[in-house]
Amino acid sequence: MMARLRSYAGFMVVPALSILLALLVASVLIIASGLIGEEKRLNLLLPLVAYRSLLVGAFGSFKGIANMIVAATPLMLTGLAVGVGLKAGLFNIGATGQVLLGGFAAALIGTQVAGAPIWIALPVAMLGGMLAGALAGFIPGFLKAFTGAHEVVTTIMLNALVQLTVSGLVNDVFRAPGFSFARTAPVGNAELTGVGNTTLHLGVLFALVCIPISYWLLWRTTVGFEIRAVGSNPTAARYAGMNPRRMIIFTMSLCGAFAGLGGAVEILRLGYYPAVFGTSIGFDGITVALLGRSNPVGILLAALLLGAMRAGAPLMQIQARVPVEIIDVIQGVILIFLAAEVVVRQIFRLRSAGTGTGELQTITRSYGEKVVG
């Protein structure tokens, strides 16, 4: 038991230190913001006021906790969309396009089942979003498996293609009449409405269920073992009787399904798909996956952390007069320190994590590798 606890501690030490360093860097920026604000005075205690307001806004009331969970819900799914891919040696940077396509499909299907009972309309719309996202993941997976096309390149191109195509379809084909701006028709009973007087909705349950399912798939099934084996060494996996091509296609499709579900949650909360729809949850999933070390439990915790920051940001802006954009800065700096793990270990004089196929090695893997077998 103690050995396992030490292993977990070593596993999370760099993410924890990255968060700490990011907060320190943000503290300097917060102090600087006081110098250029309305009062224009030096306040060295301003970071403490800002972070206290951030905590109170996220955890000081049931409403704040509910907002934190709701904000974390799509991040859990896009975190899985990136993290599961990293386990297979794949860097799925196309979660944004998968989110958009999944949300668009969920909106279209939702309009078709808008009058059905909620226990039919909602699952059907969510399933449609998952399948559309899976399709957006299947395409780069297939290209990677059979042509060696790097998934980073193909998914980035698909992000732009999906965004422009979906926007055009909403403007010219699926635009609902009677509204002042281009959007699809209402999804009716497929809409994710708040429970009681809170923002909590049933989509939270869909995301939470995906966490244990992902953990079970990766560490308790043969398929999960093959995913991790292909990620560690595709050649050795092929000689062991596995099919790397099939696992790459399956994994990218699964990642797309997670992201598509995240898009479905976002759009079904809104109740329609607007022609102009922008979201950062696809790219935020990269931070969540790296911060959670591509482990579903870690992804859950990382998503809750970022969700807490976003839920507490409005109160921080009101009480400390610190702009909410500082949250994006903190998130970006966390990602920088995670990418510079060697630097973090040198700063705190930590031992090296050793060799092996890690998340960053996956990200920096060479282009043009053609999968054999």
Protein backbone atom coordinates (compact mmCIF):
# COMPACT_ATOMS: atom_id res chain seq x y z
CA MET A 1 0.00 0.00 0.00
CA MET A 2 2.76 2.46 0.93
CA ALA A 3 4.60 1.67 -2.29
CA ARG A 4 1.47 2.40 -4.28
CA LEU A 5 0.93 5.69 -2.45
CA ARG A 6 4.54 6.70 -3.15
CA SER A 7 4.00 5.82 -6.78
CA TYR A 8 0.89 8.01 -6.96
CA ALA A 9 2.74 10.86 -5.21
CA GLY A 10 5.59 10.68 -7.71
CA PHE A 11 3.03 10.50 -10.49
CA MET A 12 1.36 13.78 -9.48
CA VAL A 13 4.31 15.78 -8.17
CA VAL A 14 5.10 17.58 -11.44
CA PRO A 15 1.45 18.53 -12.17
CA ALA A 16 1.10 19.86 -8.61
CA LEU A 17 4.30 21.88 -8.89
CA SER A 18 3.23 23.16 -12.32
CA ILE A 19 0.03 24.50 -10.77
CA LEU A 20 1.99 26.14 -7.96
CA LEU A 21 4.44 27.79 -10.36
CA ALA A 22 1.58 28.98 -12.58
CA LEU A 23 -0.12 30.60 -9.60
CA LEU A 24 3.13 32.35 -8.71
CA VAL A 25 3.57 33.67 -12.25
CA ALA A 26 -0.08 34.79 -12.29
CA SER A 27 0.46 36.56 -8.95
CA VAL A 28 3.05 38.81 -10.57
CA LEU A 29 0.60 39.64 -13.36
CA ILE A 30 -2.19 40.29 -10.87
CA ILE A 31 0.01 42.74 -8.95
CA ALA A 32 0.93 44.42 -12.23
CA SER A 33 -2.77 44.71 -13.14
CA GLY A 34 -3.26 46.78 -9.99
CA LEU A 35 -0.68 49.27 -11.22
CA ILE A 36 -2.52 49.90 -14.47
CA GLY A 37 -6.06 49.72 -13.09
CA GLU A 38 -8.30 52.55 -11.92
CA GLU A 39 -6.60 52.88 -8.52
CA LYS A 40 -3.07 52.55 -9.95
CA ARG A 41 -1.38 51.47 -6.74
CA LEU A 42 0.94 48.69 -5.69
CA ASN A 43 -0.87 46.04 -3.68
CA LEU A 44 1.27 43.02 -2.88
CA LEU A 45 -1.68 41.32 -1.20
CA LEU A 46 -3.89 41.53 -4.28
CA PRO A 47 -3.09 37.93 -5.40
CA LEU A 48 -4.28 36.63 -2.02
CA VAL A 49 -7.52 38.59 -2.36
CA ALA A 50 -7.99 37.31 -5.92
CA TYR A 51 -7.32 33.66 -5.07
CA ARG A 52 -9.54 33.84 -1.98
CA SER A 53 -12.38 35.22 -4.12
CA LEU A 54 -11.70 32.47 -6.65
CA LEU A 55 -12.09 29.78 -3.98
CA VAL A 56 -15.20 31.36 -2.47
CA GLY A 57 -16.80 31.72 -5.89
CA ALA A 58 -16.22 28.03 -6.67
CA PHE A 59 -16.74 26.41 -3.26
CA GLY A 60 -18.49 29.01 -1.11
CA SER A 61 -22.03 28.01 -2.04
CA PHE A 62 -23.97 25.15 -3.58
CA LYS A 63 -24.52 27.33 -6.65
CA GLY A 64 -20.77 27.78 -7.03
CA ILE A 65 -20.13 24.04 -6.69
CA ALA A 66 -22.84 23.32 -9.25
CA ASN A 67 -21.30 25.83 -11.67
CA MET A 68 -17.89 24.22 -11.13
CA ILE A 69 -19.21 20.75 -11.98
CA VAL A 70 -21.07 22.02 -15.04
CA ALA A 71 -17.96 23.85 -16.28
CA ALA A 72 -15.86 20.73 -15.71
CA THR A 73 -18.26 18.36 -17.52
CA PRO A 74 -17.20 19.01 -21.14
CA LEU A 75 -13.56 19.26 -20.01
CA MET A 76 -13.73 15.71 -18.65
CA LEU A 77 -14.86 14.48 -22.05
CA THR A 78 -12.35 16.43 -24.13
CA GLY A 79 -9.66 15.47 -21.61
CA LEU A 80 -10.50 11.82 -22.27
CA ALA A 81 -10.51 12.55 -26.01
CA VAL A 82 -6.88 13.63 -25.75
CA GLY A 83 -5.71 11.41 -22.87
CA VAL A 84 -6.90 8.07 -24.28
CA GLY A 85 -5.20 8.93 -27.56
CA LEU A 86 -1.93 9.65 -25.78
CA LYS A 87 -2.07 6.17 -24.26
CA ALA A 88 -2.05 4.81 -27.81
CA GLY A 89 0.80 7.09 -28.87
CA LEU A 90 -1.56 9.46 -30.68
CA PHE A 91 -1.86 13.22 -30.20
CA ASN A 92 -5.49 14.04 -30.94
CA ILE A 93 -5.43 17.79 -31.42
CA GLY A 94 -8.69 17.61 -33.36
CA ALA A 95 -11.01 17.60 -30.35
CA THR A 96 -12.27 21.06 -31.34
CA GLY A 97 -13.57 19.84 -34.69
CA GLN A 98 -14.97 16.70 -33.08
CA VAL A 99 -16.77 18.85 -30.50
CA LEU A 100 -18.29 21.04 -33.21
CA LEU A 101 -19.41 18.13 -35.38
CA GLY A 102 -20.81 16.27 -32.38
CA GLY A 103 -22.72 19.33 -31.22
CA PHE A 104 -24.06 19.97 -34.72
CA ALA A 105 -25.26 16.38 -35.11
CA ALA A 106 -26.86 16.45 -31.66
CA ALA A 107 -28.71 19.66 -32.59
CA LEU A 108 -30.00 18.26 -35.87
CA ILE A 109 -31.12 14.99 -34.31
CA GLY A 110 -32.57 16.88 -31.35
CA THR A 111 -34.84 18.86 -33.66
CA GLN A 112 -36.13 15.60 -35.16
CA VAL A 113 -36.98 14.07 -31.78
CA ALA A 114 -37.93 17.34 -30.08
CA GLY A 115 -41.44 16.11 -29.31
CA ALA A 116 -40.44 12.67 -28.03
CA PRO A 117 -40.27 11.93 -24.28
CA ILE A 118 -37.08 13.21 -22.69
CA TRP A 119 -35.86 9.68 -21.88
CA ILE A 120 -35.89 9.00 -25.64
CA ALA A 121 -35.00 12.40 -27.12
CA LEU A 122 -31.98 13.12 -24.92
CA PRO A 123 -30.12 9.78 -25.26
CA VAL A 124 -30.78 9.69 -29.01
CA ALA A 125 -29.39 13.20 -29.51
CA MET A 126 -26.38 12.44 -27.30
CA LEU A 127 -25.72 9.20 -29.21
CA GLY A 128 -25.87 11.10 -32.48
CA GLY A 129 -23.27 13.53 -31.19
CA MET A 130 -21.00 10.67 -30.14
CA LEU A 131 -21.26 8.96 -33.53
CA ALA A 132 -20.53 12.19 -35.40
CA GLY A 133 -17.50 12.82 -33.20
CA ALA A 134 -16.37 9.23 -33.76
CA LEU A 135 -16.53 9.83 -37.51
CA ALA A 136 -14.35 12.93 -37.12
CA GLY A 137 -11.86 10.79 -35.20
CA PHE A 138 -12.05 7.84 -37.60
CA ILE A 139 -10.83 9.88 -40.59
CA PRO A 140 -7.43 10.92 -39.16
CA GLY A 141 -7.09 7.48 -37.55
CA PHE A 142 -7.59 5.77 -40.89
CA LEU A 143 -5.14 8.12 -42.60
CA LYS A 144 -2.58 7.54 -39.85
CA ALA A 145 -2.94 3.77 -40.01
CA PHE A 146 -2.75 3.35 -43.78
CA THR A 147 -0.76 6.31 -45.09
CA GLY A 148 1.34 7.44 -42.12
CA ALA A 149 -0.25 10.91 -42.25
CA HIS A 150 0.49 12.53 -38.90
CA GLU A 151 -2.65 12.93 -36.81
CA VAL A 152 -1.63 16.44 -35.71
CA VAL A 153 -1.68 17.69 -39.30
CA THR A 154 -4.87 15.93 -40.35
CA THR A 155 -6.80 16.87 -37.22
CA ILE A 156 -5.80 20.54 -37.44
CA MET A 157 -7.05 20.61 -41.04
CA LEU A 158 -10.26 18.85 -40.03
CA ASN A 159 -10.82 21.43 -37.29
CA ALA A 160 -10.96 24.21 -39.86
CA LEU A 161 -12.94 22.12 -42.35
CA VAL A 162 -15.59 21.14 -39.82
CA GLN A 163 -15.95 24.66 -38.45
CA LEU A 164 -16.45 26.26 -41.85
CA THR A 165 -18.68 23.48 -43.19
CA VAL A 166 -20.98 23.40 -40.18
CA SER A 167 -21.24 27.19 -40.12
CA GLY A 168 -22.20 27.20 -43.79
CA LEU A 169 -24.79 24.48 -43.33
CA VAL A 170 -26.45 26.32 -40.46
CA ASN A 171 -26.48 29.57 -42.47
CA ASP A 172 -27.77 28.17 -45.75
CA VAL A 173 -29.41 24.77 -45.22
CA PHE A 174 -30.58 24.19 -41.66
CA ARG A 175 -31.34 27.78 -40.64
CA ALA A 176 -34.56 27.96 -38.65
CA PRO A 177 -36.98 30.71 -39.74
CA GLY A 178 -38.23 33.37 -37.38
CA PHE A 179 -34.98 34.14 -35.55
CA SER A 180 -32.83 37.25 -35.78
CA PHE A 181 -29.63 35.25 -36.28
CA ALA A 182 -28.69 32.03 -38.06
CA ARG A 183 -29.33 28.99 -35.88
CA THR A 184 -30.97 25.58 -35.98
CA ALA A 185 -34.47 24.88 -34.69
CA PRO A 186 -34.97 24.21 -30.94
CA VAL A 187 -34.16 20.70 -29.73
CA GLY A 188 -37.27 20.55 -27.53
CA ASN A 189 -37.20 17.68 -25.05
CA ALA A 190 -33.59 16.89 -25.96
CA GLU A 191 -32.47 20.09 -24.21
CA LEU A 192 -30.31 19.72 -21.10
CA THR A 193 -32.16 21.88 -18.61
CA GLY A 194 -31.01 22.65 -15.09
CA VAL A 195 -32.22 20.51 -12.22
CA GLY A 196 -34.24 22.61 -9.79
CA ASN A 197 -32.79 26.09 -9.39
CA THR A 198 -29.25 24.98 -10.28
CA THR A 199 -27.29 24.71 -13.49
CA LEU A 200 -26.73 20.97 -12.94
CA HIS A 201 -28.05 18.84 -15.78
CA LEU A 202 -28.17 15.21 -16.86
CA GLY A 203 -25.14 15.67 -19.10
CA VAL A 204 -23.01 15.65 -15.94
CA LEU A 205 -23.99 12.01 -15.41
CA PHE A 206 -22.97 11.09 -18.97
CA ALA A 207 -19.51 12.58 -18.40
CA LEU A 208 -19.04 11.03 -14.97
CA VAL A 209 -19.97 7.59 -16.29
CA CYS A 210 -17.30 7.91 -19.00
CA ILE A 211 -14.54 8.22 -16.37
CA PRO A 212 -14.84 4.72 -14.81
CA ILE A 213 -15.65 3.20 -18.20
CA SER A 214 -12.42 4.63 -19.62
CA TYR A 215 -10.41 3.41 -16.63
CA TRP A 216 -11.91 -0.06 -16.92
CA LEU A 217 -11.27 -0.13 -20.67
CA LEU A 218 -7.63 0.93 -20.39
CA TRP A 219 -6.54 -1.18 -17.41
CA ARG A 220 -9.01 -4.05 -17.11
CA THR A 221 -9.57 -5.23 -20.68
CA THR A 222 -7.56 -6.83 -23.45
CA VAL A 223 -8.42 -3.93 -25.75
CA GLY A 224 -6.98 -1.48 -23.24
CA PHE A 225 -3.79 -3.51 -22.97
CA GLU A 226 -3.47 -3.47 -26.76
CA ILE A 227 -4.02 0.30 -26.83
CA ARG A 228 -1.22 0.84 -24.32
CA ALA A 229 1.04 -1.70 -26.02
CA VAL A 230 0.63 -0.02 -29.41
CA GLY A 231 1.35 3.31 -27.76
CA SER A 232 4.54 1.99 -26.18
CA ASN A 233 5.95 0.13 -29.16
CA PRO A 234 3.86 -0.54 -32.29
CA THR A 235 6.48 -2.89 -33.77
CA ALA A 236 6.65 -5.05 -30.64
CA ALA A 237 2.86 -5.06 -30.45
CA ARG A 238 2.65 -6.32 -34.03
CA TYR A 239 5.13 -9.12 -33.34
CA ALA A 240 3.03 -10.05 -30.29
CA GLY A 241 0.07 -10.69 -32.58
CA MET A 242 -1.70 -7.35 -32.23
CA ASN A 243 -2.96 -5.20 -35.08
CA PRO A 244 -1.60 -1.64 -34.64
CA ARG A 245 -3.61 -0.29 -37.57
CA ARG A 246 -6.88 -1.50 -36.15
CA MET A 247 -6.08 -0.17 -32.68
CA ILE A 248 -5.10 3.26 -34.05
CA ILE A 249 -8.38 3.56 -35.95
CA PHE A 250 -10.37 2.31 -32.94
CA THR A 251 -8.62 4.65 -30.50
CA MET A 252 -9.01 7.76 -32.64
CA SER A 253 -12.67 6.91 -33.19
CA LEU A 254 -13.15 6.45 -29.45
CA CYS A 255 -11.44 9.77 -28.76
CA GLY A 256 -13.70 11.44 -31.29
CA ALA A 257 -16.74 9.89 -29.60
CA PHE A 258 -15.73 11.40 -26.26
CA ALA A 259 -15.23 14.84 -27.82
CA GLY A 260 -18.47 14.52 -29.78
CA LEU A 261 -20.31 13.80 -26.55
CA GLY A 262 -18.72 16.90 -25.06
CA GLY A 263 -20.01 18.95 -27.99
CA ALA A 264 -23.46 17.41 -27.61
CA VAL A 265 -23.51 18.42 -23.94
CA GLU A 266 -22.58 22.01 -24.78
CA ILE A 267 -25.11 22.41 -27.59
CA LEU A 268 -27.99 20.60 -25.88
CA ARG A 269 -27.49 22.90 -22.91
CA LEU A 270 -27.91 25.83 -25.30
CA GLY A 271 -30.91 24.24 -27.00
CA TYR A 272 -29.83 24.97 -30.59
CA TYR A 273 -26.72 25.29 -32.75
CA PRO A 274 -25.77 28.87 -33.68
CA ALA A 275 -23.98 29.50 -36.97
CA VAL A 276 -21.27 31.36 -35.09
CA PHE A 277 -20.21 29.02 -32.30
CA GLY A 278 -16.79 29.15 -30.73
CA THR A 279 -15.53 27.09 -27.83
CA SER A 280 -12.12 26.40 -26.35
CA ILE A 281 -12.99 23.13 -24.64
CA GLY A 282 -11.33 21.12 -27.41
CA PHE A 283 -7.94 22.71 -26.81
CA ASP A 284 -8.55 22.89 -23.05
CA GLY A 285 -8.73 19.10 -23.18
CA ILE A 286 -4.99 19.07 -23.94
CA THR A 287 -4.25 20.83 -20.65
CA VAL A 288 -6.66 18.53 -18.79
CA ALA A 289 -5.09 15.40 -20.28
CA LEU A 290 -1.51 16.43 -19.55
CA LEU A 291 -2.36 17.70 -16.08
CA GLY A 292 -4.15 14.42 -15.35
CA ARG A 293 -1.29 12.36 -16.82
CA SER A 294 -3.72 10.75 -19.29
CA ASN A 295 -5.24 8.81 -16.40
CA PRO A 296 -9.07 8.99 -16.28
CA VAL A 297 -9.03 9.71 -12.54
CA GLY A 298 -6.39 12.40 -13.03
CA ILE A 299 -8.42 13.83 -15.91
CA LEU A 300 -11.45 14.04 -13.63
CA LEU A 301 -9.47 15.97 -11.01
CA ALA A 302 -7.85 18.24 -13.60
CA ALA A 303 -11.23 19.03 -15.16
CA LEU A 304 -12.67 19.89 -11.75
CA LEU A 305 -9.69 22.18 -11.08
CA LEU A 306 -10.18 24.13 -14.30
CA GLY A 307 -13.94 24.10 -13.76
CA ALA A 308 -13.42 25.60 -10.29
CA MET A 309 -11.27 28.36 -11.78
CA ARG A 310 -13.93 29.23 -14.32
CA ALA A 311 -16.75 29.08 -11.77
CA GLY A 312 -14.91 31.35 -9.33
CA ALA A 313 -13.60 33.84 -11.90
CA PRO A 314 -16.68 36.17 -11.92
CA LEU A 315 -16.53 36.74 -8.15
CA MET A 316 -12.77 37.29 -8.40
CA GLN A 317 -13.36 40.01 -10.99
CA ILE A 318 -15.99 41.68 -8.81
CA GLN A 319 -14.13 41.60 -5.50
CA ALA A 320 -10.49 41.84 -6.56
CA ARG A 321 -11.06 43.67 -9.87
CA VAL A 322 -8.85 41.13 -11.61
CA PRO A 323 -10.02 40.34 -15.16
CA VAL A 324 -11.33 36.82 -15.73
CA GLU A 325 -8.79 36.41 -18.56
CA ILE A 326 -6.19 35.69 -15.88
CA ILE A 327 -7.69 32.17 -15.74
CA ASP A 328 -6.64 31.59 -19.34
CA VAL A 329 -3.17 32.85 -18.43
CA ILE A 330 -2.94 30.43 -15.48
CA GLN A 331 -4.07 27.57 -17.68
CA GLY A 332 -1.54 28.46 -20.36
CA VAL A 333 1.33 28.72 -17.88
CA ILE A 334 0.37 25.36 -16.36
CA LEU A 335 0.63 23.84 -19.82
CA ILE A 336 4.04 25.46 -20.37
CA PHE A 337 5.43 24.02 -17.13
CA LEU A 338 3.95 20.60 -17.90
CA ALA A 339 5.70 20.68 -21.26
CA ALA A 340 8.91 21.78 -19.54
CA GLU A 341 8.88 18.93 -17.03
CA VAL A 342 12.67 18.70 -17.09
CA VAL A 343 12.91 22.36 -16.04
CA VAL A 344 10.41 21.85 -13.21
CA ARG A 345 12.38 18.87 -11.92
CA GLN A 346 15.61 20.88 -12.02
CA ILE A 347 14.04 23.81 -10.16
CA PHE A 348 12.90 21.58 -7.31
CA ARG A 349 15.83 19.14 -7.64
CA LEU A 350 13.62 16.16 -8.25
CA ARG A 351 14.85 12.89 -9.64
CA SER A 352 14.13 12.12 -13.25
CA ALA A 353 10.95 10.21 -13.97
CA GLY A 354 13.00 7.76 -15.98
CA THR A 355 12.64 6.68 -19.55
CA GLY A 356 9.58 5.40 -21.30
CA THR A 357 6.78 6.47 -23.57
CA GLY A 358 5.18 9.45 -21.91
CA GLU A 359 2.67 12.04 -23.00
CA LEU A 360 5.29 14.51 -24.16
CA GLN A 361 7.18 11.85 -26.09
CA THR A 362 3.95 11.11 -27.91
CA ILE A 363 3.48 14.79 -28.75
CA THR A 364 7.02 15.15 -30.12
CA ARG A 365 7.02 11.86 -32.01
CA SER A 366 8.43 12.17 -35.53
CA TYR A 367 6.24 12.76 -38.55
CA GLY A 368 5.64 10.32 -41.38
CA GLU A 369 5.79 7.06 -39.46
CA LYS A 370 3.88 4.50 -41.48
CA VAL A 371 2.18 1.90 -39.36
CA VAL A 372 2.96 -1.67 -40.31
CA GLY A 373 0.61 -4.57 -39.67
